[in-house]
Amino acid sequence: MVPDNTPIVVGVGQFVERLDDPGYRGLAPADIAARACEAAIADAGGTARDGIDLLAAIRTFEDSRAGPGPFGKPDKFPLAIARRLGIAPQAAILHKAGGQSPLIAIADLAERLRVGEGRAALAFGSEAISTVRHLSAKGEARDWAETLEGQIEDRGKGLEGLLTPYDIKHGLVAASFAYALLENARRARLGMSREDYARVMGELFAPFTRVAAANPYSSAKTSPMSAREIATVGERNRGAAREMGIAQDRWLFVHGAAWASEPPIVERADPAAYPAAKLAFDHALASAGKTVDEIDAFDFYSCFPIAVFSTAVDELGLAPDDPRGLTVTGGLPYFGGPGNNYSMHAIATMGERLRAAPGSYGLVGLNGGMQTKYGALVMSTEPSEWPGLAHEDLQQKRATIPGPPTTERPEGEGRIVTYTVIFAKGEPVRAVIVGELDSGERFLANEADAATLRAMLADDPLGRRVSVAPHDEGNRFVFAA
């Protein structure tokens, strides 16, 4: 009852090589991706390999930054996998960086299939970050460089908007620094102490560790952790699917897909809120004709607790201990963090879950940047026409949500909206704050004074009065008298 050109998912596959596995070989990212692709092709069955003429690769961390990496890399990553699979694609795409990219890649392939640009497509990604660290620490080297003939559609790194020059100038150069600002902003809104917020973060992620411990594709063999332990520091075409003999019980349909993005942290009215995620959820669920109560399984991108709190809990109203669970993989910290590709694993695992319970519905939430880009995907074995990937209309709606006035050269008195203290080699080296002048303007500022850092660690500085002045190396703040 849906058109034969409706794009569907017919095969999913995953692969993991752990450092402590017997026979560990230290495989390159291209070899890891090829093994996952082989598993997906086998999962589809029939003659799926023969129909694949479109490829989409999630950008690896090596391709997301400058330089070749310590062991080298393929100059055209998608074609390196095509060579290993014995496939000559009509088109091969390398997508932008960001945790939202698996949704963008799958939706792009689906639209191409819908309009007849191909019969079947393969989306994949991989990382070997732990292998690089492990081998480098042992003084070993590998040669992973490849030069491949043929053309790819390189969408670019896509790092624009993730960190602004203003962010970088003030020391926000890593995800952990930015997400600490977001966690503290949420804590401020809830009026919680540092100790109480650490406890609820542990309670949120404890169930994730139980799922990860049972997942055979987790990147490390883990055991379930208690909340206290955590808080303690230390697609394919439907008509072609029939032709290729792919059994209908393998088919998965997209019922809703959407994404939207946020402005820089300092420009967000509530740094801990995620209205772009809410827009994506609302559209994807409405497209599927479902409410959140009618979803049977979830996976929320979970690089840090705030990425789950701000989406599943704050925007969708789910309880942290919802009996359906908030992850099918075990979450990024415990399942493993394969770069931009985490949610491809979530989609694959969700597909297996939905096939095991025909007629059920799953929702995957995909996060990119510093809570910068968010995608939502609703899937089911129930047939549905391809809904398309919503973005432009949602982005226009996001643009109507007011933010605070900002200034890059603040001067005067105000208060700390949120903060983080950055450590290096176990010692505090810099504090970064989002502040608000008494005039209402938001700003970034930093301070490296040892006494100030000690004071911020000793007593929670949320809401504390500060004086701020512009400097060429970044705005500097001091506690007001």
Foldseek 3Di string as FASTA:
>chain_A
DADLLFKWQQFFFADEAAPPDVVRDLDAFLVRFLVRQVRRQVSQDFQQLVFAAEEEEEDAPCNLDDDQPQQGAEPQSQVSSCVVSVHHHPAYEYDAFWLCVVLVRVLVVSVCSSVPVGFFYYYTYFASVVSSVVQVVVVHYHHHYDYDDDDHHYPDHPCPQLADPLCVLFPVPDLVFLLQQLLQLVCVVVVHDPVVSLLVQLVLQQVLQCLQCPAPQQNDNGDRDHSVVSSDPVIGRNNSSVVSVGDLLSIKHWQFKEKEFDGDQLFAQRSLAQVRLLLQVVRSQVSNVHAPVQAQAAEFAPPDSSSCCNHVCVRNPDDSPRVSHHANNSHCVRSHPRGSCVVSVRVSSVSVVQSVPAPHKYKYWTATRNSTMIMIIIMGSDDDGHPRYYYPVSHVVNVPDGTWAADAWDFFKWAFSGKDFDDDPRHTAKIWTFTAHPVGHTYIFMDGDPVVSVVCVVDPRHGFMWGWGADPSGIYIDGDD
